[in-house]
Amino acid sequence: MKSFEYVIKDEIGIHARPAGLLVKEAKKYESKIILKKDGKTAEATKLMAVMGLGVKCGNKIDTNHKISFYSVLLSLIHHLFYPHK
């Protein structure tokens, strides 16, 4: 398993739209992707679980995954949760 940490920079945090996009993308992979925040975990393919983490701007999320090309996952998370102006 590989892992990395990411600080959410979007001022709204992980709300419905980006959570839905993350879930949609995570479902493309056979590997299990787990998001962690403050001791709570959520499988990245389950929308309500991801939203249930309650991730806000400035929160750090950790991931565990078996994806061999984790840069794809990192790029996706950065694209979804970095503020675009």
Protein backbone atom coordinates (compact mmCIF):
# COMPACT_ATOMS: atom_id res chain seq x y z
CA MET A 1 0.00 0.00 0.00
CA LYS A 2 1.16 3.49 -0.81
CA SER A 3 -0.01 6.62 0.95
CA PHE A 4 0.28 10.37 0.83
CA GLU A 5 -1.11 13.40 2.65
CA TYR A 6 -2.85 16.35 1.06
CA VAL A 7 -4.08 19.62 2.58
CA ILE A 8 -7.40 20.73 1.09
CA LYS A 9 -7.06 24.24 -0.27
CA ASP A 10 -10.54 24.82 -1.70
CA GLU A 11 -12.35 27.24 0.63
CA ILE A 12 -15.49 25.10 0.57
CA GLY A 13 -13.70 21.82 1.26
CA ILE A 14 -14.94 18.50 -0.08
CA HIS A 15 -18.57 19.25 -0.87
CA ALA A 16 -20.98 17.34 -3.12
CA ARG A 17 -19.62 18.22 -6.57
CA PRO A 18 -15.91 17.44 -6.05
CA ALA A 19 -16.76 14.44 -3.88
CA GLY A 20 -18.90 13.09 -6.73
CA LEU A 21 -16.09 13.63 -9.22
CA LEU A 22 -13.61 11.91 -6.91
CA VAL A 23 -15.93 8.92 -6.47
CA LYS A 24 -16.54 8.69 -10.20
CA GLU A 25 -12.81 8.67 -10.90
CA ALA A 26 -12.01 6.24 -8.06
CA LYS A 27 -14.50 3.73 -9.48
CA LYS A 28 -12.37 3.47 -12.63
CA TYR A 29 -9.63 1.65 -10.73
CA GLU A 30 -9.66 -1.89 -9.39
CA SER A 31 -7.51 -0.79 -6.48
CA LYS A 32 -9.11 0.19 -3.21
CA ILE A 33 -8.57 3.85 -2.28
CA ILE A 34 -9.12 4.84 1.35
CA LEU A 35 -9.32 8.45 2.52
CA LYS A 36 -8.57 9.28 6.16
CA LYS A 37 -9.25 12.40 8.21
CA ASP A 38 -8.90 12.73 11.98
CA GLY A 39 -9.12 8.97 12.55
CA LYS A 40 -12.20 8.53 10.32
CA THR A 41 -11.91 6.56 7.09
CA ALA A 42 -13.92 6.41 3.89
CA GLU A 43 -13.66 4.29 0.79
CA ALA A 44 -13.20 6.68 -2.14
CA THR A 45 -15.87 4.89 -4.20
CA LYS A 46 -18.65 5.68 -1.72
CA LEU A 47 -20.05 9.20 -2.04
CA MET A 48 -21.80 9.46 1.32
CA ALA A 49 -18.74 8.09 3.11
CA VAL A 50 -16.45 10.66 1.44
CA MET A 51 -18.83 13.51 2.26
CA GLY A 52 -19.27 12.11 5.78
CA LEU A 53 -15.62 12.85 6.52
CA GLY A 54 -16.61 16.52 6.71
CA VAL A 55 -13.40 17.77 5.11
CA LYS A 56 -13.03 21.56 5.25
CA CYS A 57 -10.46 23.97 3.86
CA GLY A 58 -7.12 23.49 5.60
CA ASN A 59 -7.90 19.93 6.68
CA LYS A 60 -5.33 17.27 5.91
CA ILE A 61 -6.46 14.03 4.31
CA ASP A 62 -4.38 10.88 4.06
CA THR A 63 -4.85 8.21 1.45
CA ASN A 64 -3.96 4.57 1.29
CA HIS A 65 -4.09 2.93 -2.09
CA LYS A 66 -2.62 0.18 -4.19
CA ILE A 67 -2.51 2.22 -7.38
CA SER A 68 0.97 1.85 -8.82
CA PHE A 69 0.72 5.22 -10.55
CA TYR A 70 -0.16 7.31 -7.52
CA SER A 71 0.79 10.50 -9.36
CA VAL A 72 -2.50 10.10 -11.26
CA LEU A 73 -4.39 10.03 -7.96
CA LEU A 74 -2.43 12.96 -6.56
CA SER A 75 -3.08 14.98 -9.71
CA LEU A 76 -6.80 14.20 -9.51
CA ILE A 77 -7.10 15.23 -5.87
CA HIS A 78 -5.09 18.38 -6.50
CA HIS A 79 -7.28 19.27 -9.49
CA LEU A 80 -10.52 18.69 -7.59
CA PHE A 81 -9.65 20.39 -4.32
CA TYR A 82 -7.28 23.21 -5.24
CA PRO A 83 -9.12 26.53 -5.60
CA HIS A 84 -9.55 27.52 -9.22
CA LYS A 85 -10.08 31.20 -9.80
